[in-house]
Protein backbone atom coordinates (compact mmCIF):
# COMPACT_ATOMS: atom_id res chain seq x y z
CA MET A 1 -34.34 33.29 6.07
CA LYS A 2 -32.33 36.42 5.37
CA ARG A 3 -30.57 38.06 8.30
CA LEU A 4 -28.75 41.31 8.78
CA SER A 5 -25.02 40.78 8.23
CA LYS A 6 -21.99 42.96 8.88
CA PHE A 7 -19.30 43.49 6.25
CA ALA A 8 -15.91 45.15 6.67
CA GLU A 9 -14.09 46.75 3.78
CA VAL A 10 -10.63 45.17 3.60
CA MET A 11 -7.53 46.06 1.57
CA PRO A 12 -5.39 43.33 -0.07
CA SER A 13 -2.88 43.68 2.78
CA GLY A 14 -5.62 42.58 5.19
CA ARG A 15 -5.95 46.04 6.74
CA GLN A 16 -9.53 47.17 7.26
CA THR A 17 -10.58 50.56 5.96
CA ASN A 18 -12.83 52.77 8.06
CA ARG A 19 -15.99 51.58 6.25
CA VAL A 20 -18.40 49.00 7.63
CA ALA A 21 -21.69 48.02 5.99
CA TYR A 22 -24.74 46.24 7.33
CA ALA A 23 -26.81 44.46 4.70
CA MET A 24 -29.45 41.82 4.22
CA GLU A 25 -27.42 40.30 1.37
CA ALA A 26 -24.03 40.93 -0.21
CA SER A 27 -25.55 42.03 -3.52
CA ALA A 28 -26.92 45.15 -1.77
CA LEU A 29 -23.47 46.39 -0.73
CA PRO A 30 -22.07 49.58 -2.28
CA ASN A 31 -18.98 49.34 -4.45
CA PRO A 32 -15.85 48.95 -2.33
CA THR A 33 -13.04 51.47 -2.46
CA PRO A 34 -10.81 50.65 -5.46
CA GLY A 35 -8.42 47.85 -4.53
CA SER A 36 -10.48 46.64 -1.57
CA GLU A 37 -13.29 44.16 -1.03
CA TRP A 38 -16.17 43.57 1.35
CA ARG A 39 -15.75 40.65 3.76
CA LYS A 40 -18.59 39.24 5.83
CA LEU A 41 -17.88 39.20 9.57
CA GLU A 42 -19.19 35.85 10.75
CA ASN A 43 -19.06 36.72 14.47
CA PHE A 44 -21.59 39.58 14.08
CA ARG A 45 -24.42 39.63 16.62
CA ALA A 46 -26.81 42.56 16.16
CA GLY A 47 -28.08 42.51 19.75
CA ASP A 48 -24.57 42.64 21.18
CA GLU A 49 -23.61 45.54 18.92
CA ILE A 50 -26.69 47.57 19.89
CA LEU A 51 -25.88 47.02 23.56
CA ASP A 52 -22.35 48.33 22.92
CA ASP A 53 -23.52 51.22 20.70
CA PRO A 54 -27.23 52.15 20.94
CA GLY A 55 -26.79 54.56 18.01
CA LEU A 56 -26.58 51.57 15.69
CA LYS A 57 -30.32 51.00 16.12
CA GLU A 58 -31.04 53.63 13.44
CA VAL A 59 -28.33 52.19 11.16
CA PHE A 60 -29.85 48.73 11.46
CA LYS A 61 -33.33 50.15 10.79
CA THR A 62 -32.06 51.78 7.59
CA ALA A 63 -30.36 48.55 6.52
CA LEU A 64 -33.58 46.59 7.07
CA GLU A 65 -35.66 49.15 5.16
CA LYS A 66 -33.29 49.83 2.26
CA GLY A 67 -31.25 46.61 2.15
CA CYS A 68 -27.96 48.20 3.21
CA ALA A 69 -26.52 50.91 5.44
CA MET A 70 -22.87 51.94 5.59
CA VAL A 71 -20.96 53.53 8.44
CA ALA A 72 -17.56 55.19 8.23
CA LYS A 73 -15.76 54.84 11.54
CA GLU A 74 -13.59 57.69 12.76
CA THR A 75 -9.90 56.99 12.41
């Protein structure tokens, strides 16, 4: 069964960029910023994240409908 997963965009140095994507599968992810890659965050729990940030409900809905949704966090 496919599940919603969270991916962080990470530079070669290990530093995360400000982009996070939620996707049903890695093939649906947008291209990463040049020189970076998407890494799946294994500790992701959708319910916990919605409790911490109710605004993510719409992001998750988009990801479920379209296969992927990306969020750029403020720096």
